[in-house]
Amino acid sequence: MITLDSKYSTTAEYVSLFAMITLTVVAIFNKSISVFYIIYLFWWDEFLKTIFDTLRYWFKKELIDDVPRFKSNTRGRMFFLFIYFVFIVLCFGFMLDWDNKDLMILNFRVLFFNNALFDFTIFSFLLREIYLYRNQTQKIDSHSILSRGIITLHISIILGIFAWFFLANKFPSLKQYSAVLAITPFLLFKIFFEMAEIKENNRLRKSSGL
């Protein structure tokens, strides 16, 4: 059986992470970013991972260690993502920025894929998942329902609401910058969890004999 050298798949994950960081920083400097932008971006990252896990269940079942558990966990993550989607769009997409016309327009553009930086970042996620899926030959571990991506989303939602209200109410003079200031901890959390996931994936690939 042809195997994939772990360094190539790990490199693909690092390249995707670097692309996300770079495009997000550009969006921050261009002031074309909002709390909704960053949390919705994290949602899409985890959604694409879950979609490709579903494809693995359908077409690469022989590589899965524990098929019933893998199926259950994947469905569980999809359920969480559906709940998060509704909450993210309603709360961060509309309610929190309702009195800010510019952010509302930005959020609508992001939601309907009319923001180039956001769209390019999602495209980089998609390329990463396609590459990993097409070249995967090692055994597939059964992820927990509460994957690092789900945990990142959960923390980001809680932190996002707290940061928005704190900056808006305690420092009203900074309200126009609240979105940019609130994004920094989100990005740091994402980098931390993504680095941990990449290292764990690399360890699993090596333990599978790659």
N, C-alpha and C. Protein backbone atom coordinates (compact mmCIF):
# COMPACT_ATOMS: atom_id res chain seq x y z
N MET A 1 0.84 -1.19 0.00
CA MET A 1 0.00 0.00 0.00
C MET A 1 0.88 1.25 0.00
N ILE A 2 0.52 2.21 -0.85
CA ILE A 2 1.28 3.45 -0.93
C ILE A 2 0.97 4.29 0.29
N THR A 3 1.98 4.82 0.92
CA THR A 3 1.78 5.64 2.11
C THR A 3 2.23 7.07 1.85
N LEU A 4 1.71 7.95 2.63
CA LEU A 4 2.03 9.37 2.52
C LEU A 4 3.01 9.74 3.60
N ASP A 5 4.15 10.31 3.21
CA ASP A 5 5.13 10.77 4.19
C ASP A 5 4.47 11.83 5.06
N SER A 6 4.57 11.65 6.37
CA SER A 6 3.87 12.53 7.30
C SER A 6 4.27 13.99 7.14
N LYS A 7 5.50 14.22 6.68
CA LYS A 7 5.95 15.62 6.59
C LYS A 7 5.16 16.41 5.56
N TYR A 8 4.65 15.74 4.49
CA TYR A 8 3.90 16.44 3.47
C TYR A 8 2.52 16.84 3.97
N SER A 9 1.84 15.93 4.66
CA SER A 9 0.52 16.26 5.20
C SER A 9 0.64 17.29 6.31
N THR A 10 1.69 17.17 7.12
CA THR A 10 1.91 18.16 8.18
C THR A 10 2.21 19.52 7.57
N THR A 11 3.00 19.54 6.50
CA THR A 11 3.30 20.80 5.80
C THR A 11 2.03 21.43 5.26
N ALA A 12 1.13 20.62 4.70
CA ALA A 12 -0.14 21.13 4.18
C ALA A 12 -0.95 21.81 5.28
N GLU A 13 -0.94 21.21 6.47
CA GLU A 13 -1.68 21.79 7.59
C GLU A 13 -1.05 23.10 8.04
N TYR A 14 0.27 23.14 8.08
CA TYR A 14 0.96 24.38 8.48
C TYR A 14 0.76 25.49 7.44
N VAL A 15 0.79 25.13 6.16
CA VAL A 15 0.58 26.12 5.10
C VAL A 15 -0.82 26.71 5.21
N SER A 16 -1.81 25.86 5.47
CA SER A 16 -3.18 26.34 5.63
C SER A 16 -3.30 27.27 6.82
N LEU A 17 -2.65 26.91 7.93
CA LEU A 17 -2.68 27.77 9.12
C LEU A 17 -2.01 29.11 8.84
N PHE A 18 -0.87 29.07 8.15
CA PHE A 18 -0.16 30.31 7.81
C PHE A 18 -1.01 31.19 6.90
N ALA A 19 -1.70 30.57 5.94
CA ALA A 19 -2.56 31.33 5.03
C ALA A 19 -3.68 32.00 5.81
N MET A 20 -4.27 31.27 6.75
CA MET A 20 -5.35 31.85 7.56
C MET A 20 -4.86 33.05 8.37
N ILE A 21 -3.69 32.87 9.02
CA ILE A 21 -3.13 33.96 9.84
C ILE A 21 -2.84 35.18 8.97
N THR A 22 -2.19 34.95 7.83
CA THR A 22 -1.82 36.05 6.94
C THR A 22 -3.03 36.81 6.43
N LEU A 23 -4.03 36.08 5.93
CA LEU A 23 -5.22 36.73 5.39
C LEU A 23 -6.03 37.43 6.48
N THR A 24 -6.02 36.86 7.69
CA THR A 24 -6.73 37.51 8.80
C THR A 24 -6.04 38.80 9.20
N VAL A 25 -4.71 38.78 9.25
CA VAL A 25 -3.96 40.00 9.59
C VAL A 25 -4.20 41.08 8.53
N VAL A 26 -4.22 40.68 7.26
CA VAL A 26 -4.50 41.64 6.19
C VAL A 26 -5.90 42.23 6.37
N ALA A 27 -6.87 41.38 6.72
CA ALA A 27 -8.23 41.86 6.94
C ALA A 27 -8.29 42.84 8.11
N ILE A 28 -7.51 42.57 9.16
CA ILE A 28 -7.46 43.48 10.31
C ILE A 28 -6.91 44.84 9.90
N PHE A 29 -5.80 44.84 9.16
CA PHE A 29 -5.19 46.10 8.74
C PHE A 29 -6.10 46.87 7.77
N ASN A 30 -6.87 46.13 6.98
CA ASN A 30 -7.80 46.77 6.05
C ASN A 30 -9.11 47.17 6.71
N LYS A 31 -9.25 46.81 8.00
CA LYS A 31 -10.49 47.06 8.76
C LYS A 31 -11.70 46.45 8.06
N SER A 32 -11.47 45.29 7.44
CA SER A 32 -12.56 44.58 6.77
C SER A 32 -12.85 43.28 7.50
N ILE A 33 -12.90 43.37 8.83
CA ILE A 33 -13.10 42.18 9.65
C ILE A 33 -14.02 42.53 10.82
N SER A 34 -14.73 41.55 11.30
CA SER A 34 -15.62 41.71 12.44
C SER A 34 -15.54 40.46 13.30
N VAL A 35 -16.18 40.52 14.47
CA VAL A 35 -16.22 39.33 15.32
C VAL A 35 -16.93 38.19 14.59
N PHE A 36 -18.00 38.54 13.88
CA PHE A 36 -18.72 37.53 13.09
C PHE A 36 -17.79 36.90 12.06
N TYR A 37 -17.01 37.70 11.38
CA TYR A 37 -16.06 37.22 10.36
C TYR A 37 -15.18 36.12 10.93
N ILE A 38 -14.54 36.38 12.07
CA ILE A 38 -13.56 35.44 12.59
C ILE A 38 -14.21 34.18 13.15
N ILE A 39 -15.34 34.33 13.85
CA ILE A 39 -16.00 33.15 14.42
C ILE A 39 -16.63 32.31 13.32
N TYR A 40 -17.21 32.96 12.33
CA TYR A 40 -17.79 32.23 11.20
C TYR A 40 -16.70 31.53 10.41
N LEU A 41 -15.52 32.12 10.33
CA LEU A 41 -14.38 31.47 9.67
C LEU A 41 -13.99 30.20 10.41
N PHE A 42 -13.93 30.27 11.75
CA PHE A 42 -13.61 29.08 12.54
C PHE A 42 -14.67 28.00 12.33
N TRP A 43 -15.93 28.44 12.22
CA TRP A 43 -17.02 27.49 11.99
C TRP A 43 -16.81 26.75 10.67
N TRP A 44 -16.47 27.47 9.63
CA TRP A 44 -16.26 26.85 8.32
C TRP A 44 -15.08 25.88 8.34
N ASP A 45 -14.04 26.22 9.08
CA ASP A 45 -12.89 25.32 9.19
C ASP A 45 -13.32 23.99 9.78
N GLU A 46 -14.05 24.03 10.88
CA GLU A 46 -14.50 22.80 11.52
C GLU A 46 -15.55 22.08 10.69
N PHE A 47 -16.41 22.83 10.00
CA PHE A 47 -17.43 22.23 9.16
C PHE A 47 -16.80 21.43 8.02
N LEU A 48 -15.80 22.00 7.37
CA LEU A 48 -15.12 21.30 6.28
C LEU A 48 -14.41 20.04 6.79
N LYS A 49 -13.79 20.13 7.96
CA LYS A 49 -13.15 18.94 8.55
C LYS A 49 -14.18 17.85 8.79
N THR A 50 -15.36 18.24 9.28
CA THR A 50 -16.41 17.27 9.57
C THR A 50 -16.99 16.68 8.29
N ILE A 51 -17.13 17.50 7.25
CA ILE A 51 -17.61 17.01 5.96
C ILE A 51 -16.66 15.95 5.41
N PHE A 52 -15.37 16.21 5.49
CA PHE A 52 -14.40 15.25 4.96
C PHE A 52 -14.27 14.02 5.85
N ASP A 53 -14.55 14.16 7.14
CA ASP A 53 -14.64 12.98 7.99
C ASP A 53 -15.82 12.12 7.58
N THR A 54 -16.92 12.78 7.18
CA THR A 54 -18.08 12.04 6.67
C THR A 54 -17.72 11.29 5.39
N LEU A 55 -16.96 11.93 4.51
CA LEU A 55 -16.51 11.26 3.29
C LEU A 55 -15.59 10.08 3.61
N ARG A 56 -14.78 10.23 4.64
CA ARG A 56 -13.92 9.11 5.06
C ARG A 56 -14.78 7.94 5.54
N TYR A 57 -15.84 8.26 6.24
CA TYR A 57 -16.74 7.19 6.71
C TYR A 57 -17.39 6.48 5.53
N TRP A 58 -17.76 7.23 4.51
CA TRP A 58 -18.42 6.63 3.35
C TRP A 58 -17.46 5.85 2.45
N PHE A 59 -16.28 6.40 2.22
CA PHE A 59 -15.42 5.85 1.18
C PHE A 59 -14.09 5.28 1.66
N LYS A 60 -13.74 5.50 2.93
CA LYS A 60 -12.48 4.96 3.45
C LYS A 60 -12.71 4.26 4.78
N LYS A 61 -13.82 3.57 4.84
CA LYS A 61 -14.23 2.93 6.10
C LYS A 61 -13.23 1.91 6.57
N GLU A 62 -12.51 1.30 5.62
CA GLU A 62 -11.54 0.26 6.00
C GLU A 62 -10.35 0.82 6.78
N LEU A 63 -10.16 2.14 6.73
CA LEU A 63 -9.05 2.75 7.46
C LEU A 63 -9.44 3.20 8.87
N ILE A 64 -10.73 3.16 9.18
CA ILE A 64 -11.22 3.66 10.46
C ILE A 64 -11.07 2.58 11.53
N ASP A 65 -10.47 2.94 12.65
CA ASP A 65 -10.25 1.98 13.74
C ASP A 65 -11.55 1.52 14.37
N ASP A 66 -12.40 2.46 14.73
CA ASP A 66 -13.66 2.15 15.42
C ASP A 66 -14.79 2.82 14.65
N VAL A 67 -15.37 2.09 13.70
CA VAL A 67 -16.36 2.68 12.79
C VAL A 67 -17.59 3.22 13.51
N PRO A 68 -18.24 2.45 14.40
CA PRO A 68 -19.44 2.99 15.08
C PRO A 68 -19.15 4.26 15.87
N ARG A 69 -18.03 4.27 16.58
CA ARG A 69 -17.68 5.46 17.36
C ARG A 69 -17.37 6.64 16.45
N PHE A 70 -16.65 6.38 15.35
CA PHE A 70 -16.32 7.44 14.40
C PHE A 70 -17.59 8.05 13.83
N LYS A 71 -18.54 7.20 13.46
CA LYS A 71 -19.81 7.67 12.90
C LYS A 71 -20.58 8.50 13.92
N SER A 72 -20.65 8.01 15.15
CA SER A 72 -21.38 8.72 16.21
C SER A 72 -20.75 10.08 16.51
N ASN A 73 -19.43 10.10 16.60
CA ASN A 73 -18.74 11.36 16.90
C ASN A 73 -18.88 12.38 15.78
N THR A 74 -18.82 11.89 14.53
CA THR A 74 -18.97 12.79 13.39
C THR A 74 -20.36 13.40 13.35
N ARG A 75 -21.38 12.56 13.61
CA ARG A 75 -22.75 13.08 13.65
C ARG A 75 -22.93 14.07 14.80
N GLY A 76 -22.31 13.76 15.93
CA GLY A 76 -22.40 14.66 17.08
C GLY A 76 -21.79 16.01 16.78
N ARG A 77 -20.63 16.02 16.12
CA ARG A 77 -19.99 17.28 15.77
C ARG A 77 -20.85 18.07 14.78
N MET A 78 -21.47 17.36 13.84
CA MET A 78 -22.32 18.03 12.86
C MET A 78 -23.52 18.68 13.55
N PHE A 79 -24.07 18.00 14.56
CA PHE A 79 -25.19 18.57 15.31
C PHE A 79 -24.76 19.84 16.04
N PHE A 80 -23.60 19.78 16.71
CA PHE A 80 -23.07 20.96 17.39
C PHE A 80 -22.87 22.11 16.41
N LEU A 81 -22.34 21.79 15.23
CA LEU A 81 -22.06 22.82 14.23
C LEU A 81 -23.34 23.48 13.74
N PHE A 82 -24.41 22.70 13.62
CA PHE A 82 -25.70 23.27 13.21
C PHE A 82 -26.20 24.26 14.25
N ILE A 83 -26.14 23.87 15.53
CA ILE A 83 -26.57 24.77 16.61
C ILE A 83 -25.71 26.03 16.62
N TYR A 84 -24.39 25.85 16.48
CA TYR A 84 -23.49 26.99 16.48
C TYR A 84 -23.75 27.92 15.30
N PHE A 85 -24.06 27.34 14.15
CA PHE A 85 -24.32 28.14 12.95
C PHE A 85 -25.47 29.12 13.19
N VAL A 86 -26.58 28.59 13.71
CA VAL A 86 -27.75 29.44 13.98
C VAL A 86 -27.39 30.54 14.97
N PHE A 87 -26.69 30.17 16.04
CA PHE A 87 -26.34 31.14 17.07
C PHE A 87 -25.36 32.19 16.54
N ILE A 88 -24.35 31.74 15.80
CA ILE A 88 -23.33 32.66 15.28
C ILE A 88 -23.95 33.67 14.32
N VAL A 89 -24.80 33.20 13.41
CA VAL A 89 -25.41 34.10 12.43
C VAL A 89 -26.35 35.10 13.11
N LEU A 90 -27.23 34.60 13.99
CA LEU A 90 -28.20 35.48 14.64
C LEU A 90 -27.54 36.45 15.61
N CYS A 91 -26.65 35.92 16.46
CA CYS A 91 -26.06 36.75 17.51
C CYS A 91 -24.95 37.65 16.98
N PHE A 92 -23.93 37.04 16.38
CA PHE A 92 -22.76 37.80 15.94
C PHE A 92 -22.97 38.46 14.58
N GLY A 93 -23.79 37.83 13.73
CA GLY A 93 -24.01 38.40 12.42
C GLY A 93 -24.97 39.58 12.41
N PHE A 94 -25.94 39.56 13.34
CA PHE A 94 -26.97 40.60 13.32
C PHE A 94 -27.10 41.37 14.64
N MET A 95 -27.39 40.66 15.73
CA MET A 95 -27.77 41.33 16.97
C MET A 95 -26.69 42.26 17.53
N LEU A 96 -25.45 41.77 17.63
CA LEU A 96 -24.41 42.56 18.28
C LEU A 96 -23.98 43.77 17.46
N ASP A 97 -24.16 43.70 16.15
CA ASP A 97 -23.72 44.81 15.28
C ASP A 97 -24.90 45.56 14.66
N TRP A 98 -26.07 45.40 15.25
CA TRP A 98 -27.28 45.96 14.65
C TRP A 98 -27.20 47.48 14.48
N ASP A 99 -26.54 48.15 15.43
CA ASP A 99 -26.48 49.61 15.38
C ASP A 99 -25.26 50.14 14.63
N ASN A 100 -24.53 49.24 13.99
CA ASN A 100 -23.34 49.64 13.23
C ASN A 100 -23.54 49.24 11.76
N LYS A 101 -23.90 50.22 10.95
CA LYS A 101 -24.24 49.94 9.56
C LYS A 101 -23.08 49.31 8.79
N ASP A 102 -21.87 49.83 9.02
CA ASP A 102 -20.70 49.32 8.29
C ASP A 102 -20.43 47.85 8.61
N LEU A 103 -20.51 47.50 9.91
CA LEU A 103 -20.28 46.10 10.29
C LEU A 103 -21.40 45.20 9.79
N MET A 104 -22.62 45.70 9.77
CA MET A 104 -23.74 44.90 9.26
C MET A 104 -23.53 44.58 7.78
N ILE A 105 -23.10 45.58 7.02
CA ILE A 105 -22.82 45.35 5.59
C ILE A 105 -21.69 44.34 5.43
N LEU A 106 -20.64 44.51 6.25
CA LEU A 106 -19.51 43.57 6.22
C LEU A 106 -19.97 42.16 6.54
N ASN A 107 -20.80 42.01 7.57
CA ASN A 107 -21.28 40.69 7.96
C ASN A 107 -22.11 40.04 6.86
N PHE A 108 -22.96 40.84 6.21
CA PHE A 108 -23.75 40.31 5.10
C PHE A 108 -22.85 39.84 3.97
N ARG A 109 -21.83 40.60 3.67
CA ARG A 109 -20.90 40.22 2.59
C ARG A 109 -20.17 38.92 2.94
N VAL A 110 -19.78 38.79 4.20
CA VAL A 110 -19.12 37.56 4.63
C VAL A 110 -20.08 36.38 4.54
N LEU A 111 -21.30 36.57 5.03
CA LEU A 111 -22.28 35.49 5.05
C LEU A 111 -22.58 34.97 3.65
N PHE A 112 -22.62 35.86 2.68
CA PHE A 112 -22.96 35.46 1.31
C PHE A 112 -21.73 35.38 0.40
N PHE A 113 -20.57 35.15 1.02
CA PHE A 113 -19.32 34.89 0.28
C PHE A 113 -18.98 36.01 -0.70
N ASN A 114 -19.08 37.22 -0.21
CA ASN A 114 -18.74 38.38 -1.03
C ASN A 114 -17.62 39.19 -0.39
N ASN A 115 -16.73 38.48 0.31
CA ASN A 115 -15.56 39.08 0.94
C ASN A 115 -14.34 38.27 0.50
N ALA A 116 -13.49 38.88 -0.30
CA ALA A 116 -12.39 38.15 -0.94
C ALA A 116 -11.47 37.47 0.06
N LEU A 117 -11.08 38.17 1.12
CA LEU A 117 -10.15 37.60 2.10
C LEU A 117 -10.78 36.41 2.82
N PHE A 118 -12.04 36.55 3.19
CA PHE A 118 -12.76 35.45 3.83
C PHE A 118 -12.86 34.25 2.88
N ASP A 119 -13.24 34.52 1.64
CA ASP A 119 -13.41 33.45 0.66
C ASP A 119 -12.10 32.73 0.36
N PHE A 120 -11.01 33.48 0.23
CA PHE A 120 -9.71 32.86 -0.03
C PHE A 120 -9.27 31.99 1.14
N THR A 121 -9.59 32.43 2.36
CA THR A 121 -9.22 31.63 3.53
C THR A 121 -9.97 30.31 3.55
N ILE A 122 -11.26 30.36 3.27
CA ILE A 122 -12.05 29.12 3.20
C ILE A 122 -11.53 28.22 2.10
N PHE A 123 -11.15 28.82 0.98
CA PHE A 123 -10.61 28.04 -0.13
C PHE A 123 -9.33 27.33 0.28
N SER A 124 -8.50 27.99 1.10
CA SER A 124 -7.27 27.34 1.59
C SER A 124 -7.61 26.16 2.50
N PHE A 125 -8.68 26.31 3.31
CA PHE A 125 -9.13 25.19 4.15
C PHE A 125 -9.57 24.02 3.27
N LEU A 126 -10.31 24.34 2.21
CA LEU A 126 -10.82 23.30 1.32
C LEU A 126 -9.68 22.56 0.62
N LEU A 127 -8.68 23.30 0.14
CA LEU A 127 -7.53 22.67 -0.51
C LEU A 127 -6.79 21.74 0.46
N ARG A 128 -6.65 22.19 1.70
CA ARG A 128 -5.99 21.36 2.73
C ARG A 128 -6.74 20.05 2.93
N GLU A 129 -8.05 20.14 3.08
CA GLU A 129 -8.84 18.93 3.34
C GLU A 129 -8.85 17.99 2.14
N ILE A 130 -8.91 18.54 0.93
CA ILE A 130 -8.86 17.70 -0.27
C ILE A 130 -7.53 16.97 -0.34
N TYR A 131 -6.45 17.70 -0.08
CA TYR A 131 -5.12 17.08 -0.12
C TYR A 131 -5.00 15.97 0.91
N LEU A 132 -5.41 16.24 2.13
CA LEU A 132 -5.29 15.24 3.20
C LEU A 132 -6.18 14.03 2.91
N TYR A 133 -7.37 14.28 2.38
CA TYR A 133 -8.28 13.17 2.08
C TYR A 133 -7.75 12.29 0.96
N ARG A 134 -7.30 12.90 -0.12
CA ARG A 134 -6.84 12.14 -1.28
C ARG A 134 -5.58 11.33 -0.98
N ASN A 135 -4.76 11.80 -0.05
CA ASN A 135 -3.49 11.14 0.21
C ASN A 135 -3.46 10.34 1.50
N GLN A 136 -4.60 10.24 2.16
CA GLN A 136 -4.62 9.54 3.44
C GLN A 136 -4.64 8.03 3.23
N THR A 137 -3.67 7.35 3.85
CA THR A 137 -3.62 5.89 3.79
C THR A 137 -3.42 5.28 5.17
N GLN A 138 -3.16 6.12 6.18
CA GLN A 138 -2.96 5.59 7.52
C GLN A 138 -4.30 5.38 8.22
N LYS A 139 -4.27 4.66 9.31
CA LYS A 139 -5.47 4.41 10.09
C LYS A 139 -6.05 5.73 10.60
N ILE A 140 -7.38 5.79 10.62
CA ILE A 140 -8.07 7.00 11.03
C ILE A 140 -8.56 6.85 12.46
N ASP A 141 -8.15 7.77 13.31
CA ASP A 141 -8.56 7.75 14.71
C ASP A 141 -9.97 8.31 14.85
N SER A 142 -10.70 7.82 15.84
CA SER A 142 -12.05 8.31 16.10
C SER A 142 -11.97 9.57 16.96
N HIS A 143 -12.19 10.73 16.33
CA HIS A 143 -12.11 11.99 17.05
C HIS A 143 -13.20 12.07 18.10
N SER A 144 -12.93 12.82 19.14
CA SER A 144 -13.96 13.10 20.14
C SER A 144 -14.99 14.06 19.55
N ILE A 145 -16.22 14.00 20.07
CA ILE A 145 -17.24 14.96 19.64
C ILE A 145 -16.74 16.37 19.90
N LEU A 146 -16.14 16.57 21.07
CA LEU A 146 -15.58 17.88 21.41
C LEU A 146 -14.15 17.97 20.87
N SER A 147 -14.05 18.10 19.56
CA SER A 147 -12.74 18.24 18.93
C SER A 147 -12.15 19.59 19.29
N ARG A 148 -10.88 19.78 18.95
CA ARG A 148 -10.25 21.07 19.24
C ARG A 148 -10.95 22.21 18.51
N GLY A 149 -11.45 21.91 17.32
CA GLY A 149 -12.17 22.94 16.58
C GLY A 149 -13.47 23.34 17.27
N ILE A 150 -14.20 22.36 17.79
CA ILE A 150 -15.44 22.64 18.51
C ILE A 150 -15.13 23.43 19.79
N ILE A 151 -14.07 23.02 20.48
CA ILE A 151 -13.67 23.73 21.70
C ILE A 151 -13.30 25.18 21.38
N THR A 152 -12.57 25.36 20.28
CA THR A 152 -12.20 26.72 19.85
C THR A 152 -13.45 27.56 19.58
N LEU A 153 -14.42 26.97 18.89
CA LEU A 153 -15.67 27.67 18.61
C LEU A 153 -16.39 28.06 19.89
N HIS A 154 -16.47 27.10 20.81
CA HIS A 154 -17.18 27.32 22.07
C HIS A 154 -16.54 28.47 22.86
N ILE A 155 -15.22 28.42 22.99
CA ILE A 155 -14.50 29.48 23.71
C ILE A 155 -14.66 30.81 23.00
N SER A 156 -14.58 30.79 21.66
CA SER A 156 -14.67 32.02 20.89
C SER A 156 -16.04 32.68 21.05
N ILE A 157 -17.10 31.87 21.08
CA ILE A 157 -18.44 32.43 21.24
C ILE A 157 -18.58 33.11 22.61
N ILE A 158 -18.16 32.41 23.66
CA ILE A 158 -18.24 32.98 25.01
C ILE A 158 -17.36 34.23 25.11
N LEU A 159 -16.13 34.11 24.65
CA LEU A 159 -15.20 35.23 24.71
C LEU A 159 -15.67 36.39 23.86
N GLY A 160 -16.27 36.07 22.71
CA GLY A 160 -16.73 37.11 21.81
C GLY A 160 -17.82 37.96 22.42
N ILE A 161 -18.80 37.32 23.06
CA ILE A 161 -19.88 38.07 23.71
C ILE A 161 -19.32 38.91 24.85
N PHE A 162 -18.45 38.31 25.66
CA PHE A 162 -17.85 39.03 26.79
C PHE A 162 -17.04 40.24 26.31
N ALA A 163 -16.19 40.00 25.32
CA ALA A 163 -15.32 41.07 24.83
C ALA A 163 -16.13 42.20 24.21
N TRP A 164 -17.16 41.84 23.46
CA TRP A 164 -17.97 42.86 22.80
C TRP A 164 -18.66 43.76 23.82
N PHE A 165 -19.32 43.16 24.82
CA PHE A 165 -20.02 43.95 25.82
C PHE A 165 -19.04 44.72 26.70
N PHE A 166 -17.91 44.12 27.02
CA PHE A 166 -16.93 44.79 27.88
C PHE A 166 -16.37 46.03 27.19
N LEU A 167 -15.97 45.87 25.94
CA LEU A 167 -15.39 47.00 25.22
C LEU A 167 -16.42 48.07 24.92
N ALA A 168 -17.64 47.63 24.60
CA ALA A 168 -18.68 48.59 24.22
C ALA A 168 -19.21 49.37 25.43
N ASN A 169 -19.33 48.70 26.59
CA ASN A 169 -19.92 49.33 27.76
C ASN A 169 -18.90 50.01 28.66
N LYS A 170 -17.74 49.38 28.85
CA LYS A 170 -16.73 49.94 29.74
C LYS A 170 -15.88 51.01 29.06
N PHE A 171 -15.68 50.82 27.76
CA PHE A 171 -14.86 51.76 27.00
C PHE A 171 -15.62 52.20 25.75
N PRO A 172 -16.67 52.99 25.91
CA PRO A 172 -17.48 53.40 24.75
C PRO A 172 -16.68 54.13 23.68
N SER A 173 -15.58 54.79 24.09
CA SER A 173 -14.76 55.50 23.11
C SER A 173 -14.04 54.54 22.17
N LEU A 174 -13.92 53.27 22.62
CA LEU A 174 -13.25 52.26 21.79
C LEU A 174 -14.25 51.40 21.03
N LYS A 175 -15.52 51.75 21.09
CA LYS A 175 -16.54 50.90 20.49
C LYS A 175 -16.30 50.66 19.01
N GLN A 176 -15.83 51.70 18.31
CA GLN A 176 -15.59 51.53 16.88
C GLN A 176 -14.44 50.57 16.59
N TYR A 177 -13.59 50.35 17.61
CA TYR A 177 -12.48 49.42 17.44
C TYR A 177 -12.72 48.09 18.15
N SER A 178 -13.91 47.91 18.71
CA SER A 178 -14.17 46.72 19.53
C SER A 178 -14.01 45.43 18.74
N ALA A 179 -14.42 45.45 17.48
CA ALA A 179 -14.31 44.23 16.67
C ALA A 179 -12.86 43.83 16.48
N VAL A 180 -12.02 44.82 16.13
CA VAL A 180 -10.60 44.53 15.89
C VAL A 180 -9.91 44.08 17.18
N LEU A 181 -10.20 44.77 18.29
CA LEU A 181 -9.57 44.43 19.57
C LEU A 181 -10.01 43.05 20.06
N ALA A 182 -11.26 42.69 19.79
CA ALA A 182 -11.77 41.41 20.26
C ALA A 182 -11.24 40.23 19.46
N ILE A 183 -10.80 40.49 18.24
CA ILE A 183 -10.36 39.41 17.35
C ILE A 183 -9.03 38.81 17.77
N THR A 184 -8.15 39.62 18.35
CA THR A 184 -6.80 39.15 18.71
C THR A 184 -6.80 37.90 19.57
N PRO A 185 -7.56 37.85 20.69
CA PRO A 185 -7.55 36.61 21.48
C PRO A 185 -8.13 35.43 20.73
N PHE A 186 -9.12 35.67 19.85
CA PHE A 186 -9.66 34.57 19.04
C PHE A 186 -8.57 33.94 18.20
N LEU A 187 -7.81 34.80 17.55
CA LEU A 187 -6.75 34.32 16.66
C LEU A 187 -5.69 33.55 17.44
N LEU A 188 -5.35 34.04 18.63
CA LEU A 188 -4.35 33.35 19.46
C LEU A 188 -4.86 31.98 19.91
N PHE A 189 -6.14 31.90 20.30
CA PHE A 189 -6.73 30.62 20.68
C PHE A 189 -6.70 29.65 19.50
N LYS A 190 -7.06 30.14 18.33
CA LYS A 190 -7.10 29.30 17.14
C LYS A 190 -5.71 28.76 16.81
N ILE A 191 -4.71 29.63 16.86
CA ILE A 191 -3.34 29.21 16.57
C ILE A 191 -2.89 28.15 17.56
N PHE A 192 -3.18 28.37 18.84
CA PHE A 192 -2.78 27.42 19.88
C PHE A 192 -3.39 26.04 19.64
N PHE A 193 -4.71 25.99 19.41
CA PHE A 193 -5.38 24.70 19.23
C PHE A 193 -5.00 24.05 17.90
N GLU A 194 -4.81 24.86 16.86
CA GLU A 194 -4.42 24.30 15.56
C GLU A 194 -3.02 23.69 15.63
N MET A 195 -2.10 24.37 16.30
CA MET A 195 -0.74 23.83 16.46
C MET A 195 -0.78 22.51 17.22
N ALA A 196 -1.59 22.46 18.27
CA ALA A 196 -1.72 21.23 19.05
C ALA A 196 -2.30 20.11 18.21
N GLU A 197 -3.30 20.43 17.37
CA GLU A 197 -3.92 19.42 16.52
C GLU A 197 -2.95 18.92 15.45
N ILE A 198 -2.19 19.83 14.86
CA ILE A 198 -1.22 19.43 13.84
C ILE A 198 -0.17 18.50 14.43
N LYS A 199 0.32 18.84 15.61
CA LYS A 199 1.32 17.98 16.27
C LYS A 199 0.74 16.62 16.61
N GLU A 200 -0.51 16.59 17.06
CA GLU A 200 -1.16 15.31 17.38
C GLU A 200 -1.37 14.48 16.12
N ASN A 201 -1.81 15.12 15.04
CA ASN A 201 -1.99 14.41 13.77
C ASN A 201 -0.68 13.83 13.27
N ASN A 202 0.39 14.60 13.40
CA ASN A 202 1.70 14.13 12.97
C ASN A 202 2.15 12.93 13.80
N ARG A 203 1.88 12.99 15.10
CA ARG A 203 2.23 11.86 15.98
C ARG A 203 1.47 10.60 15.57
N LEU A 204 0.18 10.76 15.26
CA LEU A 204 -0.63 9.61 14.86
C LEU A 204 -0.16 9.03 13.53
N ARG A 205 0.24 9.91 12.61
CA ARG A 205 0.75 9.41 11.33
C ARG A 205 2.02 8.60 11.52
N LYS A 206 2.91 9.10 12.35
CA LYS A 206 4.16 8.39 12.59
C LYS A 206 3.92 7.07 13.31
N SER A 207 2.97 7.05 14.22
CA SER A 207 2.67 5.81 14.94
C SER A 207 2.01 4.77 14.04
N SER A 208 1.46 5.26 12.90
CA SER A 208 0.84 4.34 11.94
C SER A 208 1.86 3.77 10.96
N GLY A 209 3.11 4.15 11.15
CA GLY A 209 4.17 3.59 10.32
C GLY A 209 4.55 4.42 9.15
N LEU A 210 4.09 5.70 9.11
CA LEU A 210 4.45 6.58 8.00
C LEU A 210 5.79 7.23 8.25
